[in-house]
Structure formats: structure tokens, C-alpha cells
Amino acid sequence: MFEVRVEADFAAAHFLQDYHGKCEHLHGHNYRVFAHVRGTELDEGGMLFDFTILKRNLRHICGRLDHSHLNELVDKEGNSVFHQNPSAERIAQWIFHQLQEAIDAEGGLPAGNRLYAVDVFETDTSRARYIAD
């Protein structure tokens, strides 16, 4: 099994509506995001997946979140992207699905390889991970 990982970051504000503590108040983080691809198949060049493609897409997605108020983000239908509670877990899940769509739009991953996980760090010591089903 092989694994590659790329990272990106963004700064954003949020608050948690259903949390009782200091995080229920508006505050911000400098988020760090890692995207992991795993698989057993290397391409003809000996690579699991091109770092450039993975980084470009992850950075684009994180750029959409950069300097935003995460509670105010809505999808095309006007629904709250994070259900009004942009926890690190929900952010990781959303980034994962956005990244999967972007990779698929560029031809996808070779058979036997997959986007495995997205990690979202709110701080250096606090991380949430979303793993593929």
C-alpha cells in the first residue's frame, strides 16, 4: 500500500451554535488541511497520484474558504454548507467531497487507488479526520 499526502491552509471565522463554552462565540482559526490518497497501483512514472493535481485542487477548495465566515457559507440552493455548525469534522467531510468531485472531473484516480482521508487541524494539537466510506 502506498500513500501520498499534500497540504494547504486557510484562515476563517466560525462559531458553534450547539456548543456551550468559549467556541460558541465568533472566533477564528488558521486551519491546516491534509489530503491523503492511498492505493496499490503506481502509474508508468512510478507515482501513486500526481502531487501537482492533488495540491492544485486542494488549494483551490481551501481558497474558497479562506477569509470567510464559515457559518454564512451556502450551497447553490441557498442551504447552509455546514448546517450552521462548522465543526472541524464537518469541514473535513465537506473538503473531502469537494476534492473527490474535483479529482473525478479530471479523470479520477487509477483503479485500486482512492482519496482516503482529509485532516483538518484547527490548531497544531487539534485535528478532525474524515475517512472515505
N, C-alpha and C. Protein backbone atom coordinates (compact mmCIF):
# COMPACT_ATOMS: atom_id res chain seq x y z
N MET A 1 0.86 -1.18 0.00
CA MET A 1 0.00 0.00 0.00
C MET A 1 0.90 1.24 0.00
N PHE A 2 0.55 2.19 -0.86
CA PHE A 2 1.25 3.47 -0.94
C PHE A 2 0.30 4.56 -0.46
N GLU A 3 0.88 5.65 0.02
CA GLU A 3 0.08 6.81 0.41
C GLU A 3 0.85 8.07 0.07
N VAL A 4 0.13 9.05 -0.48
CA VAL A 4 0.69 10.38 -0.66
C VAL A 4 -0.19 11.36 0.10
N ARG A 5 0.43 12.46 0.51
CA ARG A 5 -0.30 13.47 1.27
C ARG A 5 0.16 14.84 0.81
N VAL A 6 -0.79 15.73 0.65
CA VAL A 6 -0.49 17.13 0.37
C VAL A 6 -1.18 17.98 1.41
N GLU A 7 -0.77 19.23 1.50
CA GLU A 7 -1.40 20.10 2.48
C GLU A 7 -1.68 21.48 1.91
N ALA A 8 -2.63 22.13 2.53
CA ALA A 8 -3.00 23.50 2.20
C ALA A 8 -3.49 24.15 3.49
N ASP A 9 -3.77 25.43 3.43
CA ASP A 9 -4.29 26.09 4.63
C ASP A 9 -5.24 27.20 4.26
N PHE A 10 -5.97 27.65 5.24
CA PHE A 10 -6.87 28.78 5.08
C PHE A 10 -7.16 29.35 6.46
N ALA A 11 -7.55 30.61 6.47
CA ALA A 11 -7.95 31.29 7.71
C ALA A 11 -9.43 31.61 7.60
N ALA A 12 -10.18 31.33 8.65
CA ALA A 12 -11.62 31.57 8.62
C ALA A 12 -12.16 31.77 10.03
N ALA A 13 -13.33 32.38 10.08
CA ALA A 13 -14.03 32.58 11.34
C ALA A 13 -15.23 31.65 11.41
N HIS A 14 -15.62 31.31 12.62
CA HIS A 14 -16.83 30.50 12.82
C HIS A 14 -17.24 30.56 14.29
N PHE A 15 -18.40 30.01 14.55
CA PHE A 15 -18.84 29.76 15.93
C PHE A 15 -19.68 28.50 15.89
N LEU A 16 -19.83 27.86 17.02
CA LEU A 16 -20.60 26.62 17.12
C LEU A 16 -21.86 26.89 17.92
N GLN A 17 -23.02 26.79 17.27
CA GLN A 17 -24.30 27.12 17.91
C GLN A 17 -24.66 26.18 19.05
N ASP A 18 -24.36 24.93 18.91
CA ASP A 18 -24.80 23.94 19.90
C ASP A 18 -23.68 23.53 20.85
N TYR A 19 -22.76 24.43 21.06
CA TYR A 19 -21.62 24.17 21.94
C TYR A 19 -21.72 25.14 23.11
N HIS A 20 -21.46 24.64 24.29
CA HIS A 20 -21.54 25.51 25.47
C HIS A 20 -20.13 25.70 26.01
N GLY A 21 -19.57 26.81 25.68
CA GLY A 21 -18.20 27.14 26.04
C GLY A 21 -17.73 28.28 25.16
N LYS A 22 -16.44 28.56 25.21
CA LYS A 22 -15.94 29.73 24.50
C LYS A 22 -16.09 29.62 22.98
N CYS A 23 -16.19 28.43 22.42
CA CYS A 23 -16.31 28.27 20.97
C CYS A 23 -17.71 28.59 20.45
N GLU A 24 -18.66 28.90 21.35
CA GLU A 24 -19.97 29.33 20.89
C GLU A 24 -19.93 30.79 20.45
N HIS A 25 -18.83 31.47 20.73
CA HIS A 25 -18.65 32.87 20.32
C HIS A 25 -17.83 32.91 19.03
N LEU A 26 -18.06 33.92 18.24
CA LEU A 26 -17.32 34.09 16.99
C LEU A 26 -15.82 34.14 17.28
N HIS A 27 -15.08 33.34 16.56
CA HIS A 27 -13.61 33.31 16.69
C HIS A 27 -13.04 32.77 15.38
N GLY A 28 -11.74 32.76 15.27
CA GLY A 28 -11.12 32.30 14.03
C GLY A 28 -10.00 31.31 14.27
N HIS A 29 -9.65 30.65 13.17
CA HIS A 29 -8.54 29.68 13.18
C HIS A 29 -7.73 29.86 11.92
N ASN A 30 -6.48 29.48 12.01
CA ASN A 30 -5.64 29.28 10.84
C ASN A 30 -5.62 27.77 10.63
N TYR A 31 -6.50 27.30 9.76
CA TYR A 31 -6.68 25.87 9.54
C TYR A 31 -5.56 25.32 8.66
N ARG A 32 -5.13 24.12 8.95
CA ARG A 32 -4.22 23.36 8.08
C ARG A 32 -4.97 22.12 7.65
N VAL A 33 -4.88 21.81 6.36
CA VAL A 33 -5.63 20.69 5.79
C VAL A 33 -4.67 19.74 5.09
N PHE A 34 -4.80 18.47 5.38
CA PHE A 34 -4.03 17.41 4.70
C PHE A 34 -5.01 16.55 3.93
N ALA A 35 -4.64 16.20 2.71
CA ALA A 35 -5.42 15.26 1.90
C ALA A 35 -4.54 14.05 1.62
N HIS A 36 -5.10 12.86 1.84
CA HIS A 36 -4.37 11.60 1.69
C HIS A 36 -4.97 10.77 0.56
N VAL A 37 -4.12 10.27 -0.32
CA VAL A 37 -4.52 9.31 -1.35
C VAL A 37 -3.78 8.02 -1.05
N ARG A 38 -4.50 6.91 -1.08
CA ARG A 38 -3.92 5.59 -0.84
C ARG A 38 -4.21 4.67 -2.01
N GLY A 39 -3.33 3.71 -2.19
CA GLY A 39 -3.59 2.72 -3.22
C GLY A 39 -2.43 1.76 -3.41
N THR A 40 -2.65 0.85 -4.31
CA THR A 40 -1.67 -0.21 -4.58
C THR A 40 -1.04 -0.08 -5.95
N GLU A 41 -1.61 0.81 -6.79
CA GLU A 41 -1.16 0.88 -8.18
C GLU A 41 -0.38 2.16 -8.45
N LEU A 42 0.83 2.01 -8.97
CA LEU A 42 1.64 3.15 -9.40
C LEU A 42 1.48 3.31 -10.91
N ASP A 43 1.57 4.55 -11.37
CA ASP A 43 1.48 4.77 -12.80
C ASP A 43 2.81 4.43 -13.48
N GLU A 44 2.87 4.68 -14.78
CA GLU A 44 4.07 4.33 -15.52
C GLU A 44 5.30 5.08 -15.03
N GLY A 45 5.09 6.25 -14.44
CA GLY A 45 6.19 7.04 -13.90
C GLY A 45 6.55 6.68 -12.46
N GLY A 46 5.87 5.67 -11.92
CA GLY A 46 6.15 5.24 -10.56
C GLY A 46 5.46 6.06 -9.49
N MET A 47 4.40 6.78 -9.87
CA MET A 47 3.69 7.62 -8.90
C MET A 47 2.30 7.07 -8.62
N LEU A 48 1.89 7.21 -7.38
CA LEU A 48 0.53 6.84 -6.99
C LEU A 48 -0.48 7.83 -7.58
N PHE A 49 -0.20 9.11 -7.41
CA PHE A 49 -1.03 10.18 -7.98
C PHE A 49 -0.19 11.43 -8.03
N ASP A 50 -0.39 12.24 -9.01
CA ASP A 50 0.40 13.44 -9.24
C ASP A 50 0.17 14.45 -8.11
N PHE A 51 1.23 14.79 -7.38
CA PHE A 51 1.14 15.78 -6.31
C PHE A 51 0.57 17.10 -6.83
N THR A 52 0.97 17.48 -8.02
CA THR A 52 0.55 18.77 -8.57
C THR A 52 -0.96 18.85 -8.71
N ILE A 53 -1.57 17.82 -9.22
CA ILE A 53 -3.03 17.80 -9.39
C ILE A 53 -3.72 17.84 -8.03
N LEU A 54 -3.23 17.03 -7.10
CA LEU A 54 -3.84 16.97 -5.78
C LEU A 54 -3.70 18.30 -5.05
N LYS A 55 -2.50 18.90 -5.08
CA LYS A 55 -2.28 20.18 -4.41
C LYS A 55 -3.11 21.30 -5.03
N ARG A 56 -3.14 21.36 -6.35
CA ARG A 56 -3.89 22.42 -7.04
C ARG A 56 -5.36 22.39 -6.63
N ASN A 57 -5.94 21.21 -6.63
CA ASN A 57 -7.36 21.09 -6.28
C ASN A 57 -7.61 21.38 -4.81
N LEU A 58 -6.76 20.87 -3.93
CA LEU A 58 -6.94 21.14 -2.50
C LEU A 58 -6.78 22.64 -2.22
N ARG A 59 -5.79 23.27 -2.81
CA ARG A 59 -5.58 24.70 -2.59
C ARG A 59 -6.75 25.52 -3.12
N HIS A 60 -7.32 25.12 -4.24
CA HIS A 60 -8.48 25.82 -4.79
C HIS A 60 -9.66 25.73 -3.82
N ILE A 61 -9.91 24.54 -3.30
CA ILE A 61 -11.02 24.34 -2.37
C ILE A 61 -10.81 25.14 -1.09
N CYS A 62 -9.60 25.08 -0.55
CA CYS A 62 -9.31 25.85 0.67
C CYS A 62 -9.38 27.35 0.39
N GLY A 63 -9.04 27.76 -0.81
CA GLY A 63 -9.14 29.16 -1.19
C GLY A 63 -10.57 29.67 -1.15
N ARG A 64 -11.52 28.79 -1.42
CA ARG A 64 -12.94 29.16 -1.34
C ARG A 64 -13.36 29.43 0.10
N LEU A 65 -12.64 28.85 1.06
CA LEU A 65 -12.96 29.04 2.48
C LEU A 65 -12.15 30.16 3.12
N ASP A 66 -11.06 30.54 2.49
CA ASP A 66 -10.12 31.49 3.09
C ASP A 66 -10.77 32.85 3.34
N HIS A 67 -10.54 33.37 4.54
CA HIS A 67 -11.06 34.65 4.98
C HIS A 67 -12.58 34.74 4.85
N SER A 68 -13.23 33.66 5.22
CA SER A 68 -14.69 33.64 5.19
C SER A 68 -15.23 33.45 6.61
N HIS A 69 -16.52 33.66 6.72
CA HIS A 69 -17.26 33.33 7.94
C HIS A 69 -17.96 32.02 7.62
N LEU A 70 -17.47 30.92 8.14
CA LEU A 70 -17.93 29.59 7.75
C LEU A 70 -19.41 29.37 8.02
N ASN A 71 -19.96 29.99 9.03
CA ASN A 71 -21.39 29.84 9.33
C ASN A 71 -22.27 30.43 8.23
N GLU A 72 -21.72 31.34 7.45
CA GLU A 72 -22.51 32.03 6.44
C GLU A 72 -22.40 31.40 5.05
N LEU A 73 -21.59 30.36 4.88
CA LEU A 73 -21.43 29.74 3.57
C LEU A 73 -22.68 28.95 3.20
N VAL A 74 -23.14 29.16 1.98
CA VAL A 74 -24.32 28.45 1.48
C VAL A 74 -23.99 27.76 0.16
N ASP A 75 -24.72 26.69 -0.14
CA ASP A 75 -24.55 25.98 -1.40
C ASP A 75 -25.38 26.66 -2.49
N LYS A 76 -25.42 26.07 -3.67
CA LYS A 76 -26.13 26.65 -4.81
C LYS A 76 -27.62 26.81 -4.55
N GLU A 77 -28.17 25.98 -3.68
CA GLU A 77 -29.60 26.06 -3.35
C GLU A 77 -29.87 27.01 -2.20
N GLY A 78 -28.84 27.62 -1.64
CA GLY A 78 -29.02 28.55 -0.54
C GLY A 78 -29.04 27.90 0.84
N ASN A 79 -28.67 26.61 0.91
CA ASN A 79 -28.63 25.91 2.19
C ASN A 79 -27.28 26.08 2.86
N SER A 80 -27.27 26.13 4.16
CA SER A 80 -26.03 26.25 4.92
C SER A 80 -25.13 25.05 4.62
N VAL A 81 -23.91 25.33 4.21
CA VAL A 81 -22.96 24.26 3.86
C VAL A 81 -22.66 23.39 5.08
N PHE A 82 -22.53 24.00 6.24
CA PHE A 82 -22.14 23.27 7.44
C PHE A 82 -23.27 23.16 8.47
N HIS A 83 -24.50 23.32 8.03
CA HIS A 83 -25.67 23.21 8.90
C HIS A 83 -25.56 24.14 10.11
N GLN A 84 -25.03 25.32 9.86
CA GLN A 84 -24.86 26.36 10.87
C GLN A 84 -23.89 25.98 11.99
N ASN A 85 -23.23 24.84 11.89
CA ASN A 85 -22.24 24.43 12.89
C ASN A 85 -21.00 23.89 12.18
N PRO A 86 -20.12 24.80 11.75
CA PRO A 86 -18.93 24.39 11.01
C PRO A 86 -17.83 23.83 11.93
N SER A 87 -18.08 22.64 12.42
CA SER A 87 -17.08 21.95 13.24
C SER A 87 -15.95 21.48 12.33
N ALA A 88 -14.82 21.18 12.90
CA ALA A 88 -13.69 20.66 12.12
C ALA A 88 -14.08 19.37 11.41
N GLU A 89 -14.94 18.56 12.04
CA GLU A 89 -15.39 17.32 11.43
C GLU A 89 -16.20 17.60 10.16
N ARG A 90 -17.11 18.54 10.24
CA ARG A 90 -17.93 18.87 9.06
C ARG A 90 -17.10 19.52 7.96
N ILE A 91 -16.14 20.34 8.36
CA ILE A 91 -15.25 20.96 7.37
C ILE A 91 -14.45 19.88 6.65
N ALA A 92 -13.92 18.92 7.40
CA ALA A 92 -13.14 17.83 6.79
C ALA A 92 -14.00 17.04 5.80
N GLN A 93 -15.22 16.74 6.18
CA GLN A 93 -16.12 15.99 5.30
C GLN A 93 -16.43 16.78 4.03
N TRP A 94 -16.72 18.05 4.17
CA TRP A 94 -17.04 18.89 3.02
C TRP A 94 -15.85 18.99 2.07
N ILE A 95 -14.66 19.23 2.62
CA ILE A 95 -13.46 19.32 1.78
C ILE A 95 -13.23 17.99 1.07
N PHE A 96 -13.40 16.88 1.78
CA PHE A 96 -13.22 15.56 1.17
C PHE A 96 -14.11 15.42 -0.07
N HIS A 97 -15.39 15.71 0.08
CA HIS A 97 -16.32 15.54 -1.03
C HIS A 97 -16.04 16.51 -2.17
N GLN A 98 -15.67 17.73 -1.85
CA GLN A 98 -15.31 18.69 -2.89
C GLN A 98 -14.07 18.23 -3.64
N LEU A 99 -13.10 17.70 -2.91
CA LEU A 99 -11.86 17.22 -3.53
C LEU A 99 -12.13 15.99 -4.39
N GLN A 100 -12.97 15.10 -3.90
CA GLN A 100 -13.31 13.91 -4.69
C GLN A 100 -13.96 14.31 -6.02
N GLU A 101 -14.87 15.27 -5.96
CA GLU A 101 -15.52 15.75 -7.19
C GLU A 101 -14.50 16.35 -8.15
N ALA A 102 -13.56 17.13 -7.62
CA ALA A 102 -12.54 17.76 -8.47
C ALA A 102 -11.63 16.71 -9.12
N ILE A 103 -11.23 15.71 -8.35
CA ILE A 103 -10.39 14.63 -8.90
C ILE A 103 -11.15 13.86 -9.96
N ASP A 104 -12.40 13.54 -9.70
CA ASP A 104 -13.23 12.82 -10.67
C ASP A 104 -13.37 13.62 -11.96
N ALA A 105 -13.51 14.94 -11.83
CA ALA A 105 -13.67 15.79 -13.01
C ALA A 105 -12.41 15.80 -13.87
N GLU A 106 -11.27 15.49 -13.27
CA GLU A 106 -10.01 15.45 -14.01
C GLU A 106 -9.65 14.03 -14.44
N GLY A 107 -10.60 13.13 -14.40
CA GLY A 107 -10.35 11.77 -14.87
C GLY A 107 -10.25 10.73 -13.77
N GLY A 108 -10.29 11.16 -12.54
CA GLY A 108 -10.28 10.23 -11.42
C GLY A 108 -8.93 9.63 -11.12
N LEU A 109 -8.95 8.72 -10.18
CA LEU A 109 -7.75 8.00 -9.76
C LEU A 109 -7.69 6.66 -10.47
N PRO A 110 -6.50 6.14 -10.67
CA PRO A 110 -6.38 4.79 -11.25
C PRO A 110 -7.11 3.76 -10.39
N ALA A 111 -7.58 2.70 -11.01
CA ALA A 111 -8.25 1.62 -10.27
C ALA A 111 -7.33 1.13 -9.16
N GLY A 112 -7.92 0.87 -8.00
CA GLY A 112 -7.15 0.41 -6.85
C GLY A 112 -6.64 1.53 -5.97
N ASN A 113 -6.81 2.78 -6.42
CA ASN A 113 -6.36 3.94 -5.64
C ASN A 113 -7.57 4.79 -5.30
N ARG A 114 -7.49 5.51 -4.16
CA ARG A 114 -8.63 6.33 -3.77
C ARG A 114 -8.21 7.47 -2.86
N LEU A 115 -9.02 8.51 -2.89
CA LEU A 115 -8.89 9.55 -1.89
C LEU A 115 -9.27 8.88 -0.58
N TYR A 116 -8.36 8.87 0.36
CA TYR A 116 -8.57 8.11 1.59
C TYR A 116 -9.10 8.97 2.73
N ALA A 117 -8.48 10.12 2.96
CA ALA A 117 -8.85 10.90 4.14
C ALA A 117 -8.51 12.37 3.93
N VAL A 118 -9.21 13.20 4.68
CA VAL A 118 -8.89 14.62 4.80
C VAL A 118 -8.80 14.94 6.28
N ASP A 119 -7.70 15.56 6.66
CA ASP A 119 -7.49 16.02 8.03
C ASP A 119 -7.65 17.54 8.06
N VAL A 120 -8.34 18.03 9.07
CA VAL A 120 -8.45 19.47 9.29
C VAL A 120 -7.94 19.76 10.70
N PHE A 121 -6.88 20.56 10.77
CA PHE A 121 -6.30 20.98 12.04
C PHE A 121 -6.79 22.39 12.35
N GLU A 122 -7.45 22.55 13.50
CA GLU A 122 -7.80 23.90 13.96
C GLU A 122 -6.60 24.53 14.66
N THR A 123 -5.83 23.71 15.32
CA THR A 123 -4.59 24.13 15.97
C THR A 123 -3.57 23.04 15.70
N ASP A 124 -2.35 23.26 16.14
CA ASP A 124 -1.32 22.24 15.95
C ASP A 124 -1.63 20.94 16.68
N THR A 125 -2.47 21.02 17.70
CA THR A 125 -2.74 19.83 18.52
C THR A 125 -4.17 19.32 18.44
N SER A 126 -5.00 19.92 17.57
CA SER A 126 -6.40 19.51 17.47
C SER A 126 -6.76 19.25 16.01
N ARG A 127 -7.09 17.99 15.72
CA ARG A 127 -7.36 17.57 14.35
C ARG A 127 -8.65 16.77 14.28
N ALA A 128 -9.39 16.96 13.18
CA ALA A 128 -10.51 16.10 12.84
C ALA A 128 -10.18 15.44 11.51
N ARG A 129 -10.58 14.19 11.35
CA ARG A 129 -10.31 13.44 10.12
C ARG A 129 -11.60 12.88 9.58
N TYR A 130 -11.80 13.01 8.26
CA TYR A 130 -12.88 12.34 7.56
C TYR A 130 -12.25 11.29 6.67
N ILE A 131 -12.72 10.05 6.80
CA ILE A 131 -12.18 8.94 6.04
C ILE A 131 -13.26 8.44 5.08
N ALA A 132 -12.82 8.05 3.89
CA ALA A 132 -13.74 7.54 2.88
C ALA A 132 -14.51 6.34 3.40
N ASP A 133 -15.73 6.19 2.91
CA ASP A 133 -16.54 5.02 3.27
C ASP A 133 -15.93 3.76 2.71
